[in-house]
C-alpha cells in the first residue's frame, strides 16, 4: 500500500512562490509515477505535472513556465515549486502515485486524461492566493 502526504500549502499574496511537498511511503516507490493535481470546489480536478522514477517529467502548458516538479528518491519526496502565483491558482493541491509506465501516463496527460493510471491519492493541501 502506497501512502502520500502533502504539505506546504498556505495563504500567500499574488506574485509569491510556494513549494509543495509530497512524502510517499510504501514498497518500490522508484517505480511509481507521481502526479500533482489541483481542484477548486465545483470544478473538475486538474492535472498539473507528473514525474517518473527516473525524473522524466511532463507538465501542462498553462503552468509549465511557472511550476516545476522535482523528485528526491532518497527522501521519497516529490516537490512542486510554484512561482508567480495568482488568485487563479487557489485550489486544494493533491499528489497521486501510479504504477503504469510513465510513457503511457504522460501520453494520456497529453490528451487531457490526467487521472489515468493514478492508483493512490493524498488528502491534499490548500493553497490560497489573494491580492
Foldseek 3Di string as FASTA:
>chain_A
DKAKAKDWADEEEAFAKTKMKIAMDDPPLLQKKKWKWWDDPPDDIATAKIAHSVGDIDGDPVQPVFWDWDDDVVRNMIMIIGGRDDQVPWTWMKMFIFNDDPVVQNVCVVVPNNVPRTDYIYPTDTHGYYD
